[in-house]
C-alpha cells in the first residue's frame, strides 16, 4: 500500500454516516430518526463524506416542472469525490447527484446537489 507523506503523517479522525437506502430504507434517507446507528469511522485515505442520490422524474406535456422521485440514496466515506449531477434522458430523466464534505458527520443532506 502506497501513501503520500502527507497522508501518512495525518491521522484520519473523520466519521461519516454510512448507509444505503436500498438496504436501510427510510432510515438512511431520513437520518433524524436513527442516524446514530449509521455512524462509521473512516479509514486510511478516505477523508471525504459523500451523499449520492439517484432519482428520476417523468414529464408530461402539461407539466413544466416535473417532481423528482427518490430511487436510492447512499452515504459513505470515500477517498475521491466529485460533486455534481449527471442527468440522462428526455421525458423520463434519471439523475445521479453527488455531494461531498470534509467534516465529521457532515453528510446529512438529502438533496445531494440536485
PDB file of N, CA and C in Angstrom:
ATOM      1  N   UNK A   1       0.846  -1.190   0.000  1.00  0.00           N
ATOM      2  CA  UNK A   1       0.000   0.000   0.000  1.00  0.00           C
ATOM      3  C   UNK A   1       0.884   1.244   0.000  1.00  0.00           C
ATOM      4  N   UNK A   2       0.621   2.144  -0.929  1.00  0.00           N
ATOM      5  CA  UNK A   2       1.416   3.359  -1.059  1.00  0.00           C
ATOM      6  C   UNK A   2       0.662   4.540  -0.457  1.00  0.00           C
ATOM      7  N   UNK A   3       1.341   5.318   0.374  1.00  0.00           N
ATOM      8  CA  UNK A   3       0.752   6.534   0.931  1.00  0.00           C
ATOM      9  C   UNK A   3       1.695   7.689   0.664  1.00  0.00           C
ATOM     10  N   UNK A   4       1.131   8.827   0.323  1.00  0.00           N
ATOM     11  CA  UNK A   4       1.959  10.018   0.190  1.00  0.00           C
ATOM     12  C   UNK A   4       2.422  10.418   1.591  1.00  0.00           C
ATOM     13  N   UNK A   5       3.501  11.170   1.703  1.00  0.00           N
ATOM     14  CA  UNK A   5       3.969  11.600   3.029  1.00  0.00           C
ATOM     15  C   UNK A   5       2.896  12.365   3.806  1.00  0.00           C
ATOM     16  N   UNK A   6       2.109  13.189   3.108  1.00  0.00           N
ATOM     17  CA  UNK A   6       1.063  13.955   3.784  1.00  0.00           C
ATOM     18  C   UNK A   6      -0.011  13.029   4.364  1.00  0.00           C
ATOM     19  N   UNK A   7      -0.389  11.999   3.610  1.00  0.00           N
ATOM     20  CA  UNK A   7      -1.424  11.078   4.081  1.00  0.00           C
ATOM     21  C   UNK A   7      -0.913  10.237   5.242  1.00  0.00           C
ATOM     22  N   UNK A   8       0.355   9.878   5.202  1.00  0.00           N
ATOM     23  CA  UNK A   8       0.914   9.032   6.248  1.00  0.00           C
ATOM     24  C   UNK A   8       1.042   9.785   7.569  1.00  0.00           C
ATOM     25  N   UNK A   9       1.312  11.091   7.500  1.00  0.00           N
ATOM     26  CA  UNK A   9       1.562  11.828   8.738  1.00  0.00           C
ATOM     27  C   UNK A   9       0.283  12.308   9.417  1.00  0.00           C
ATOM     28  N   UNK A  10      -0.816  12.420   8.691  1.00  0.00           N
ATOM     29  CA  UNK A  10      -2.050  12.945   9.270  1.00  0.00           C
ATOM     30  C   UNK A  10      -2.985  11.793   9.627  1.00  0.00           C
ATOM     31  N   UNK A  11      -3.348  11.707  10.901  1.00  0.00           N
ATOM     32  CA  UNK A  11      -4.275  10.652  11.316  1.00  0.00           C
ATOM     33  C   UNK A  11      -5.661  10.946  10.749  1.00  0.00           C
ATOM     34  N   UNK A  12      -6.389   9.904  10.449  1.00  0.00           N
ATOM     35  CA  UNK A  12      -7.734  10.075   9.910  1.00  0.00           C
ATOM     36  C   UNK A  12      -8.729   9.967  11.060  1.00  0.00           C
ATOM     37  N   UNK A  13      -9.286  11.109  11.489  1.00  0.00           N
ATOM     38  CA  UNK A  13     -10.261  11.083  12.582  1.00  0.00           C
ATOM     39  C   UNK A  13     -11.663  11.437  12.086  1.00  0.00           C
ATOM     40  N   UNK A  14     -11.890  11.279  10.789  1.00  0.00           N
ATOM     41  CA  UNK A  14     -13.180  11.605  10.186  1.00  0.00           C
ATOM     42  C   UNK A  14     -14.183  10.475  10.421  1.00  0.00           C
ATOM     43  N   UNK A  15     -15.420  10.858  10.745  1.00  0.00           N
ATOM     44  CA  UNK A  15     -16.524   9.899  10.804  1.00  0.00           C
ATOM     45  C   UNK A  15     -17.617  10.391   9.873  1.00  0.00           C
ATOM     46  N   UNK A  16     -18.254   9.473   9.177  1.00  0.00           N
ATOM     47  CA  UNK A  16     -19.344   9.813   8.258  1.00  0.00           C
ATOM     48  C   UNK A  16     -20.533   8.895   8.532  1.00  0.00           C
ATOM     49  N   UNK A  17     -21.686   9.316   8.057  1.00  0.00           N
ATOM     50  CA  UNK A  17     -22.829   8.413   8.033  1.00  0.00           C
ATOM     51  C   UNK A  17     -22.617   7.468   6.854  1.00  0.00           C
ATOM     52  N   UNK A  18     -22.786   6.170   7.077  1.00  0.00           N
ATOM     53  CA  UNK A  18     -22.595   5.170   6.030  1.00  0.00           C
ATOM     54  C   UNK A  18     -23.843   4.298   5.976  1.00  0.00           C
ATOM     55  N   UNK A  19     -24.583   4.397   4.868  1.00  0.00           N
ATOM     56  CA  UNK A  19     -25.782   3.580   4.702  1.00  0.00           C
ATOM     57  C   UNK A  19     -26.232   3.643   3.252  1.00  0.00           C
ATOM     58  N   UNK A  20     -27.160   2.765   2.921  1.00  0.00           N
ATOM     59  CA  UNK A  20     -27.738   2.699   1.580  1.00  0.00           C
ATOM     60  C   UNK A  20     -29.239   2.516   1.751  1.00  0.00           C
ATOM     61  N   UNK A  21     -30.024   3.388   1.132  1.00  0.00           N
ATOM     62  CA  UNK A  21     -31.477   3.301   1.309  1.00  0.00           C
ATOM     63  C   UNK A  21     -32.057   2.027   0.708  1.00  0.00           C
ATOM     64  N   UNK A  22     -31.313   1.366  -0.192  1.00  0.00           N
ATOM     65  CA  UNK A  22     -31.794   0.090  -0.735  1.00  0.00           C
ATOM     66  C   UNK A  22     -31.814  -0.976   0.363  1.00  0.00           C
ATOM     67  N   UNK A  23     -30.909  -0.852   1.338  1.00  0.00           N
ATOM     68  CA  UNK A  23     -30.877  -1.799   2.455  1.00  0.00           C
ATOM     69  C   UNK A  23     -31.634  -1.262   3.670  1.00  0.00           C
ATOM     70  N   UNK A  24     -31.369  -0.010   4.028  1.00  0.00           N
ATOM     71  CA  UNK A  24     -31.907   0.552   5.267  1.00  0.00           C
ATOM     72  C   UNK A  24     -33.200   1.330   5.058  1.00  0.00           C
ATOM     73  N   UNK A  25     -33.587   1.556   3.822  1.00  0.00           N
ATOM     74  CA  UNK A  25     -34.843   2.251   3.526  1.00  0.00           C
ATOM     75  C   UNK A  25     -34.873   3.675   4.036  1.00  0.00           C
ATOM     76  N   UNK A  26     -36.019   4.058   4.572  1.00  0.00           N
ATOM     77  CA  UNK A  26     -36.271   5.427   5.034  1.00  0.00           C
ATOM     78  C   UNK A  26     -35.277   5.865   6.105  1.00  0.00           C
ATOM     79  N   UNK A  27     -34.753   4.931   6.888  1.00  0.00           N
ATOM     80  CA  UNK A  27     -33.821   5.300   7.961  1.00  0.00           C
ATOM     81  C   UNK A  27     -32.547   5.923   7.403  1.00  0.00           C
ATOM     82  N   UNK A  28     -32.140   5.545   6.185  1.00  0.00           N
ATOM     83  CA  UNK A  28     -30.940   6.126   5.574  1.00  0.00           C
ATOM     84  C   UNK A  28     -31.256   7.479   4.946  1.00  0.00           C
ATOM     85  N   UNK A  29     -32.421   7.604   4.295  1.00  0.00           N
ATOM     86  CA  UNK A  29     -32.730   8.880   3.653  1.00  0.00           C
ATOM     87  C   UNK A  29     -33.170   9.933   4.662  1.00  0.00           C
ATOM     88  N   UNK A  30     -33.729   9.518   5.796  1.00  0.00           N
ATOM     89  CA  UNK A  30     -34.203  10.463   6.800  1.00  0.00           C
ATOM     90  C   UNK A  30     -33.451  10.204   8.102  1.00  0.00           C
ATOM     91  N   UNK A  31     -32.269  10.808   8.241  1.00  0.00           N
ATOM     92  CA  UNK A  31     -31.364  10.480   9.344  1.00  0.00           C
ATOM     93  C   UNK A  31     -31.829  10.927  10.716  1.00  0.00           C
ATOM     94  N   UNK A  32     -32.800  11.832  10.817  1.00  0.00           N
ATOM     95  CA  UNK A  32     -33.112  12.388  12.129  1.00  0.00           C
ATOM     96  C   UNK A  32     -33.709  11.361  13.082  1.00  0.00           C
ATOM     97  N   UNK A  33     -34.164  10.213  12.587  1.00  0.00           N
ATOM     98  CA  UNK A  33     -34.750   9.215  13.473  1.00  0.00           C
ATOM     99  C   UNK A  33     -33.715   8.242  14.021  1.00  0.00           C
ATOM    100  N   UNK A  34     -32.803   7.760  13.175  1.00  0.00           N
ATOM    101  CA  UNK A  34     -31.883   6.714  13.644  1.00  0.00           C
ATOM    102  C   UNK A  34     -30.482   6.879  13.079  1.00  0.00           C
ATOM    103  N   UNK A  35     -30.054   8.102  12.884  1.00  0.00           N
ATOM    104  CA  UNK A  35     -28.757   8.337  12.260  1.00  0.00           C
ATOM    105  C   UNK A  35     -27.579   7.783  13.026  1.00  0.00           C
ATOM    106  N   UNK A  36     -27.683   7.713  14.364  1.00  0.00           N
ATOM    107  CA  UNK A  36     -26.555   7.274  15.182  1.00  0.00           C
ATOM    108  C   UNK A  36     -26.089   5.877  14.782  1.00  0.00           C
ATOM    109  N   UNK A  37     -27.004   5.019  14.389  1.00  0.00           N
ATOM    110  CA  UNK A  37     -26.624   3.643  14.051  1.00  0.00           C
ATOM    111  C   UNK A  37     -25.813   3.564  12.759  1.00  0.00           C
ATOM    112  N   UNK A  38     -25.789   4.639  11.972  1.00  0.00           N
ATOM    113  CA  UNK A  38     -25.060   4.627  10.702  1.00  0.00           C
ATOM    114  C   UNK A  38     -23.697   5.310  10.783  1.00  0.00           C
ATOM    115  N   UNK A  39     -23.298   5.791  11.959  1.00  0.00           N
ATOM    116  CA  UNK A  39     -22.015   6.485  12.086  1.00  0.00           C
ATOM    117  C   UNK A  39     -20.877   5.472  11.985  1.00  0.00           C
ATOM    118  N   UNK A  40     -19.909   5.783  11.130  1.00  0.00           N
ATOM    119  CA  UNK A  40     -18.775   4.886  10.939  1.00  0.00           C
ATOM    120  C   UNK A  40     -17.501   5.709  10.830  1.00  0.00           C
ATOM    121  N   UNK A  41     -16.441   5.224  11.458  1.00  0.00           N
ATOM    122  CA  UNK A  41     -15.152   5.908  11.368  1.00  0.00           C
ATOM    123  C   UNK A  41     -14.525   5.589  10.012  1.00  0.00           C
ATOM    124  N   UNK A  42     -14.017   6.612   9.356  1.00  0.00           N
ATOM    125  CA  UNK A  42     -13.388   6.422   8.044  1.00  0.00           C
ATOM    126  C   UNK A  42     -11.964   5.910   8.242  1.00  0.00           C
ATOM    127  N   UNK A  43     -11.493   5.118   7.289  1.00  0.00           N
ATOM    128  CA  UNK A  43     -10.169   4.511   7.405  1.00  0.00           C
ATOM    129  C   UNK A  43      -9.255   4.952   6.268  1.00  0.00           C
ATOM    130  N   UNK A  44      -7.973   4.827   6.530  1.00  0.00           N
ATOM    131  CA  UNK A  44      -6.936   5.035   5.514  1.00  0.00           C
ATOM    132  C   UNK A  44      -7.069   6.400   4.843  1.00  0.00           C
ATOM    133  N   UNK A  45      -7.134   6.414   3.501  1.00  0.00           N
ATOM    134  CA  UNK A  45      -7.154   7.694   2.779  1.00  0.00           C
ATOM    135  C   UNK A  45      -8.578   8.169   2.494  1.00  0.00           C
ATOM    136  N   UNK A  46      -9.564   7.558   3.096  1.00  0.00           N
ATOM    137  CA  UNK A  46     -10.953   8.000   2.887  1.00  0.00           C
ATOM    138  C   UNK A  46     -11.231   9.179   3.808  1.00  0.00           C
ATOM    139  N   UNK A  47     -11.043  10.378   3.277  1.00  0.00           N
ATOM    140  CA  UNK A  47     -11.127  11.596   4.086  1.00  0.00           C
ATOM    141  C   UNK A  47     -12.257  12.518   3.649  1.00  0.00           C
ATOM    142  N   UNK A  48     -13.233  11.965   2.951  1.00  0.00           N
ATOM    143  CA  UNK A  48     -14.363  12.759   2.479  1.00  0.00           C
ATOM    144  C   UNK A  48     -15.657  12.004   2.750  1.00  0.00           C
ATOM    145  N   UNK A  49     -16.662  12.722   3.259  1.00  0.00           N
ATOM    146  CA  UNK A  49     -18.002  12.144   3.406  1.00  0.00           C
ATOM    147  C   UNK A  49     -18.773  12.456   2.128  1.00  0.00           C
ATOM    148  N   UNK A  50     -19.633  11.534   1.719  1.00  0.00           N
ATOM    149  CA  UNK A  50     -20.327  11.667   0.437  1.00  0.00           C
ATOM    150  C   UNK A  50     -21.786  11.269   0.588  1.00  0.00           C
ATOM    151  N   UNK A  51     -22.628  11.949  -0.191  1.00  0.00           N
ATOM    152  CA  UNK A  51     -24.022  11.532  -0.375  1.00  0.00           C
ATOM    153  C   UNK A  51     -24.236  11.402  -1.871  1.00  0.00           C
ATOM    154  N   UNK A  52     -24.731  10.249  -2.296  1.00  0.00           N
ATOM    155  CA  UNK A  52     -25.070  10.049  -3.707  1.00  0.00           C
ATOM    156  C   UNK A  52     -26.556   9.762  -3.765  1.00  0.00           C
ATOM    157  N   UNK A  53     -27.251  10.546  -4.583  1.00  0.00           N
ATOM    158  CA  UNK A  53     -28.702  10.415  -4.685  1.00  0.00           C
ATOM    159  C   UNK A  53     -29.073  10.046  -6.115  1.00  0.00           C
ATOM    160  N   UNK A  54     -29.823   8.970  -6.259  1.00  0.00           N
ATOM    161  CA  UNK A  54     -30.359   8.567  -7.555  1.00  0.00           C
ATOM    162  C   UNK A  54     -31.848   8.870  -7.536  1.00  0.00           C
ATOM    163  N   UNK A  55     -32.294   9.660  -8.506  1.00  0.00           N
ATOM    164  CA  UNK A  55     -33.713   9.987  -8.567  1.00  0.00           C
ATOM    165  C   UNK A  55     -34.149  10.048 -10.018  1.00  0.00           C
ATOM    166  N   UNK A  56     -35.456  10.168 -10.214  1.00  0.00           N
ATOM    167  CA  UNK A  56     -35.988  10.224 -11.577  1.00  0.00           C
ATOM    168  C   UNK A  56     -37.181  11.158 -11.608  1.00  0.00           C
ATOM    169  N   UNK A  57     -37.480  11.658 -12.791  1.00  0.00           N
ATOM    170  CA  UNK A  57     -38.693  12.451 -12.996  1.00  0.00           C
ATOM    171  C   UNK A  57     -39.267  12.086 -14.353  1.00  0.00           C
ATOM    172  N   UNK A  58     -40.578  12.144 -14.428  1.00  0.00           N
ATOM    173  CA  UNK A  58     -41.270  11.874 -15.692  1.00  0.00           C
ATOM    174  C   UNK A  58     -42.066  13.112 -16.040  1.00  0.00           C
ATOM    175  N   UNK A  59     -41.849  13.654 -17.228  1.00  0.00           N
ATOM    176  CA  UNK A  59     -42.596  14.853 -17.610  1.00  0.00           C
ATOM    177  C   UNK A  59     -43.680  14.479 -18.610  1.00  0.00           C
ATOM    178  N   UNK A  60     -44.796  15.173 -18.471  1.00  0.00           N
ATOM    179  CA  UNK A  60     -45.880  15.032 -19.442  1.00  0.00           C
ATOM    180  C   UNK A  60     -46.021  16.376 -20.133  1.00  0.00           C
ATOM    181  N   UNK A  61     -46.861  16.433 -21.130  1.00  0.00           N
ATOM    182  CA  UNK A  61     -46.979  17.673 -21.903  1.00  0.00           C
ATOM    183  C   UNK A  61     -47.471  18.842 -21.063  1.00  0.00           C
ATOM    184  N   UNK A  62     -48.279  18.582 -20.029  1.00  0.00           N
ATOM    185  CA  UNK A  62     -48.843  19.698 -19.264  1.00  0.00           C
ATOM    186  C   UNK A  62     -48.087  19.980 -17.963  1.00  0.00           C
ATOM    187  N   UNK A  63     -46.954  19.325 -17.721  1.00  0.00           N
ATOM    188  CA  UNK A  63     -46.186  19.643 -16.513  1.00  0.00           C
ATOM    189  C   UNK A  63     -44.839  20.232 -16.912  1.00  0.00           C
ATOM    190  N   UNK A  64     -44.660  21.509 -16.618  1.00  0.00           N
ATOM    191  CA  UNK A  64     -43.408  22.149 -16.992  1.00  0.00           C
ATOM    192  C   UNK A  64     -42.317  21.911 -15.949  1.00  0.00           C
ATOM    193  N   UNK A  65     -42.692  21.619 -14.703  1.00  0.00           N
ATOM    194  CA  UNK A  65     -41.711  21.346 -13.652  1.00  0.00           C
ATOM    195  C   UNK A  65     -42.014  19.992 -13.013  1.00  0.00           C
ATOM    196  N   UNK A  66     -41.528  18.914 -13.619  1.00  0.00           N
ATOM    197  CA  UNK A  66     -41.809  17.592 -13.052  1.00  0.00           C
ATOM    198  C   UNK A  66     -41.103  17.408 -11.709  1.00  0.00           C
ATOM    199  N   UNK A  67     -41.736  16.705 -10.794  1.00  0.00           N
ATOM    200  CA  UNK A  67     -41.113  16.492  -9.487  1.00  0.00           C
ATOM    201  C   UNK A  67     -40.177  15.288  -9.545  1.00  0.00           C
ATOM    202  N   UNK A  68     -39.113  15.384  -8.747  1.00  0.00           N
ATOM    203  CA  UNK A  68     -38.138  14.292  -8.696  1.00  0.00           C
ATOM    204  C   UNK A  68     -38.573  13.283  -7.640  1.00  0.00           C
ATOM    205  N   UNK A  69     -38.400  12.024  -7.956  1.00  0.00           N
ATOM    206  CA  UNK A  69     -38.726  10.947  -7.026  1.00  0.00           C
ATOM    207  C   UNK A  69     -37.439  10.230  -6.656  1.00  0.00           C
ATOM    208  N   UNK A  70     -37.220  10.082  -5.354  1.00  0.00           N
ATOM    209  CA  UNK A  70     -36.017   9.402  -4.885  1.00  0.00           C
ATOM    210  C   UNK A  70     -36.103   7.916  -5.192  1.00  0.00           C
ATOM    211  N   UNK A  71     -35.027   7.382  -5.747  1.00  0.00           N
ATOM    212  CA  UNK A  71     -34.959   5.960  -6.036  1.00  0.00           C
ATOM    213  C   UNK A  71     -33.985   5.294  -5.066  1.00  0.00           C
ATOM    214  N   UNK A  72     -32.834   5.916  -4.865  1.00  0.00           N
ATOM    215  CA  UNK A  72     -31.838   5.344  -3.964  1.00  0.00           C
ATOM    216  C   UNK A  72     -30.941   6.456  -3.434  1.00  0.00           C
ATOM    217  N   UNK A  73     -30.503   6.308  -2.184  1.00  0.00           N
ATOM    218  CA  UNK A  73     -29.614   7.294  -1.581  1.00  0.00           C
ATOM    219  C   UNK A  73     -28.507   6.545  -0.837  1.00  0.00           C
ATOM    220  N   UNK A  74     -27.262   6.939  -1.069  1.00  0.00           N
ATOM    221  CA  UNK A  74     -26.122   6.292  -0.414  1.00  0.00           C
ATOM    222  C   UNK A  74     -25.309   7.341   0.329  1.00  0.00           C
ATOM    223  N   UNK A  75     -24.833   6.969   1.510  1.00  0.00           N
ATOM    224  CA  UNK A  75     -23.923   7.814   2.289  1.00  0.00           C
ATOM    225  C   UNK A  75     -22.681   6.979   2.569  1.00  0.00           C
ATOM    226  N   UNK A  76     -21.489   7.614   2.476  1.00  0.00           N
ATOM    227  CA  UNK A  76     -20.279   6.816   2.655  1.00  0.00           C
ATOM    228  C   UNK A  76     -19.062   7.688   2.944  1.00  0.00           C
ATOM    229  N   UNK A  77     -17.953   7.026   3.334  1.00  0.00           N
ATOM    230  CA  UNK A  77     -16.614   7.623   3.410  1.00  0.00           C
ATOM    231  C   UNK A  77     -15.921   7.240   2.107  1.00  0.00           C
ATOM    232  N   UNK A  78     -15.332   8.197   1.425  1.00  0.00           N
ATOM    233  CA  UNK A  78     -14.610   7.859   0.196  1.00  0.00           C
ATOM    234  C   UNK A  78     -13.320   8.665   0.117  1.00  0.00           C
ATOM    235  N   UNK A  79     -12.443   8.264  -0.799  1.00  0.00           N
ATOM    236  CA  UNK A  79     -11.166   8.977  -0.911  1.00  0.00           C
ATOM    237  C   UNK A  79     -11.191  10.033  -2.006  1.00  0.00           C
ATOM    238  N   UNK A  80     -12.090   9.920  -2.978  1.00  0.00           N
ATOM    239  CA  UNK A  80     -12.150  10.905  -4.059  1.00  0.00           C
ATOM    240  C   UNK A  80     -13.614  11.178  -4.359  1.00  0.00           C
ATOM    241  N   UNK A  81     -13.988  12.439  -4.344  1.00  0.00           N
ATOM    242  CA  UNK A  81     -15.396  12.793  -4.520  1.00  0.00           C
ATOM    243  C   UNK A  81     -15.514  13.916  -5.542  1.00  0.00           C
ATOM    244  N   UNK A  82     -16.389  13.742  -6.499  1.00  0.00           N
ATOM    245  CA  UNK A  82     -16.643  14.779  -7.498  1.00  0.00           C
ATOM    246  C   UNK A  82     -18.098  15.205  -7.399  1.00  0.00           C
ATOM    247  N   UNK A  83     -18.347  16.397  -6.827  1.00  0.00           N
ATOM    248  CA  UNK A  83     -19.729  16.844  -6.657  1.00  0.00           C
ATOM    249  C   UNK A  83     -20.373  17.225  -7.984  1.00  0.00           C
ATOM    250  N   UNK A  84     -21.682  17.084  -8.033  1.00  0.00           N
ATOM    251  CA  UNK A  84     -22.423  17.469  -9.229  1.00  0.00           C
ATOM    252  C   UNK A  84     -23.438  16.419  -9.607  1.00  0.00           C
ATOM    253  N   UNK A  85     -24.089  16.641 -10.742  1.00  0.00           N
ATOM    254  CA  UNK A  85     -25.147  15.743 -11.201  1.00  0.00           C
ATOM    255  C   UNK A  85     -24.893  15.281 -12.629  1.00  0.00           C
ATOM    256  N   UNK A  86     -25.274  14.050 -12.878  1.00  0.00           N
ATOM    257  CA  UNK A  86     -25.328  13.524 -14.241  1.00  0.00           C
ATOM    258  C   UNK A  86     -26.804  13.287 -14.523  1.00  0.00           C
ATOM    259  N   UNK A  87     -27.301  13.812 -15.635  1.00  0.00           N
ATOM    260  CA  UNK A  87     -28.710  13.658 -15.994  1.00  0.00           C
ATOM    261  C   UNK A  87     -28.789  12.916 -17.319  1.00  0.00           C
ATOM    262  N   UNK A  88     -29.607  11.872 -17.349  1.00  0.00           N
ATOM    263  CA  UNK A  88     -29.765  11.054 -18.553  1.00  0.00           C
ATOM    264  C   UNK A  88     -31.243  11.017 -18.913  1.00  0.00           C
ATOM    265  N   UNK A  89     -31.557  11.204 -20.185  1.00  0.00           N
ATOM    266  CA  UNK A  89     -32.930  11.018 -20.640  1.00  0.00           C
ATOM    267  C   UNK A  89     -33.627  12.298 -21.040  1.00  0.00           C
ATOM    268  N   UNK A  90     -34.771  12.132 -21.696  1.00  0.00           N
ATOM    269  CA  UNK A  90     -35.569  13.263 -22.166  1.00  0.00           C
ATOM    270  C   UNK A  90     -36.848  13.405 -21.341  1.00  0.00           C
ATOM    271  N   UNK A  91     -37.880  12.635 -21.675  1.00  0.00           N
ATOM    272  CA  UNK A  91     -39.138  12.745 -20.928  1.00  0.00           C
ATOM    273  C   UNK A  91     -39.044  12.093 -19.561  1.00  0.00           C
ATOM    274  N   UNK A  92     -38.411  10.941 -19.500  1.00  0.00           N
ATOM    275  CA  UNK A  92     -38.085  10.342 -18.205  1.00  0.00           C
ATOM    276  C   UNK A  92     -36.610  10.609 -17.973  1.00  0.00           C
ATOM    277  N   UNK A  93     -36.318  11.378 -16.922  1.00  0.00           N
ATOM    278  CA  UNK A  93     -34.931  11.747 -16.642  1.00  0.00           C
ATOM    279  C   UNK A  93     -34.438  10.988 -15.425  1.00  0.00           C
ATOM    280  N   UNK A  94     -33.216  10.499 -15.524  1.00  0.00           N
ATOM    281  CA  UNK A  94     -32.545   9.873 -14.395  1.00  0.00           C
ATOM    282  C   UNK A  94     -31.458  10.827 -13.913  1.00  0.00           C
ATOM    283  N   UNK A  95     -31.382  11.025 -12.610  1.00  0.00           N
ATOM    284  CA  UNK A  95     -30.401  11.926 -12.009  1.00  0.00           C
ATOM    285  C   UNK A  95     -29.494  11.119 -11.087  1.00  0.00           C
ATOM    286  N   UNK A  96     -28.197  11.279 -11.235  1.00  0.00           N
ATOM    287  CA  UNK A  96     -27.223  10.724 -10.295  1.00  0.00           C
ATOM    288  C   UNK A  96     -26.450  11.920  -9.756  1.00  0.00           C
ATOM    289  N   UNK A  97     -26.763  12.319  -8.534  1.00  0.00           N
ATOM    290  CA  UNK A  97     -26.176  13.533  -7.960  1.00  0.00           C
ATOM    291  C   UNK A  97     -25.303  13.183  -6.760  1.00  0.00           C
ATOM    292  N   UNK A  98     -24.153  13.840  -6.681  1.00  0.00           N
ATOM    293  CA  UNK A  98     -23.196  13.580  -5.609  1.00  0.00           C
ATOM    294  C   UNK A  98     -22.873  14.875  -4.880  1.00  0.00           C
ATOM    295  N   UNK A  99     -22.850  14.808  -3.551  1.00  0.00           N
ATOM    296  CA  UNK A  99     -22.424  15.931  -2.716  1.00  0.00           C
ATOM    297  C   UNK A  99     -21.279  15.440  -1.833  1.00  0.00           C
ATOM    298  N   UNK A 100     -20.306  16.317  -1.579  1.00  0.00           N
ATOM    299  CA  UNK A 100     -19.118  15.947  -0.817  1.00  0.00           C
ATOM    300  C   UNK A 100     -18.913  16.953   0.316  1.00  0.00           C
ATOM    301  N   UNK A 101     -18.337  16.489   1.432  1.00  0.00           N
ATOM    302  CA  UNK A 101     -17.985  17.392   2.528  1.00  0.00           C
ATOM    303  C   UNK A 101     -16.866  16.745   3.335  1.00  0.00           C
ATOM    304  N   UNK A 102     -16.138  17.549   4.098  1.00  0.00           N
ATOM    305  CA  UNK A 102     -14.930  17.034   4.745  1.00  0.00           C
ATOM    306  C   UNK A 102     -14.901  17.239   6.249  1.00  0.00           C
ATOM    307  N   UNK A 103     -16.069  17.379   6.876  1.00  0.00           N
ATOM    308  CA  UNK A 103     -16.144  17.470   8.332  1.00  0.00           C
ATOM    309  C   UNK A 103     -16.877  16.239   8.845  1.00  0.00           C
ATOM    310  N   UNK A 104     -16.574  15.832  10.057  1.00  0.00           N
ATOM    311  CA  UNK A 104     -17.228  14.647  10.603  1.00  0.00           C
ATOM    312  C   UNK A 104     -18.743  14.809  10.631  1.00  0.00           C
ATOM    313  N   UNK A 105     -19.425  13.769  10.200  1.00  0.00           N
ATOM    314  CA  UNK A 105     -20.889  13.672  10.198  1.00  0.00           C
ATOM    315  C   UNK A 105     -21.559  14.800   9.423  1.00  0.00           C
ATOM    316  N   UNK A 106     -20.907  15.263   8.369  1.00  0.00           N
ATOM    317  CA  UNK A 106     -21.467  16.359   7.567  1.00  0.00           C
ATOM    318  C   UNK A 106     -22.387  15.850   6.466  1.00  0.00           C
ATOM    319  N   UNK A 107     -22.375  14.545   6.172  1.00  0.00           N
ATOM    320  CA  UNK A 107     -23.154  14.050   5.031  1.00  0.00           C
ATOM    321  C   UNK A 107     -24.590  13.700   5.435  1.00  0.00           C
ATOM    322  N   UNK A 108     -25.280  14.733   5.953  1.00  0.00           N
ATOM    323  CA  UNK A 108     -26.673  14.570   6.380  1.00  0.00           C
ATOM    324  C   UNK A 108     -27.655  15.030   5.307  1.00  0.00           C
ATOM    325  N   UNK A 109     -27.179  15.747   4.291  1.00  0.00           N
ATOM    326  CA  UNK A 109     -28.076  16.325   3.294  1.00  0.00           C
ATOM    327  C   UNK A 109     -28.779  15.242   2.484  1.00  0.00           C
ATOM    328  N   UNK A 110     -29.999  15.564   2.058  1.00  0.00           N
ATOM    329  CA  UNK A 110     -30.782  14.618   1.262  1.00  0.00           C
ATOM    330  C   UNK A 110     -30.824  14.995  -0.200  1.00  0.00           C
ATOM    331  N   UNK A 111     -30.509  16.246  -0.535  1.00  0.00           N
ATOM    332  CA  UNK A 111     -30.694  16.685  -1.922  1.00  0.00           C
ATOM    333  C   UNK A 111     -29.473  16.424  -2.802  1.00  0.00           C
ATOM    334  N   UNK A 112     -28.299  16.263  -2.237  1.00  0.00           N
ATOM    335  CA  UNK A 112     -27.084  15.918  -2.996  1.00  0.00           C
ATOM    336  C   UNK A 112     -26.937  16.706  -4.289  1.00  0.00           C
ATOM    337  N   UNK A 113     -26.860  18.011  -4.173  1.00  0.00           N
ATOM    338  CA  UNK A 113     -26.573  18.895  -5.316  1.00  0.00           C
ATOM    339  C   UNK A 113     -27.566  18.757  -6.452  1.00  0.00           C
ATOM    340  N   UNK A 114     -28.806  18.448  -6.128  1.00  0.00           N
ATOM    341  CA  UNK A 114     -29.774  18.219  -7.219  1.00  0.00           C
ATOM    342  C   UNK A 114     -30.296  19.528  -7.748  1.00  0.00           C
TER     343      UNK A 114
END
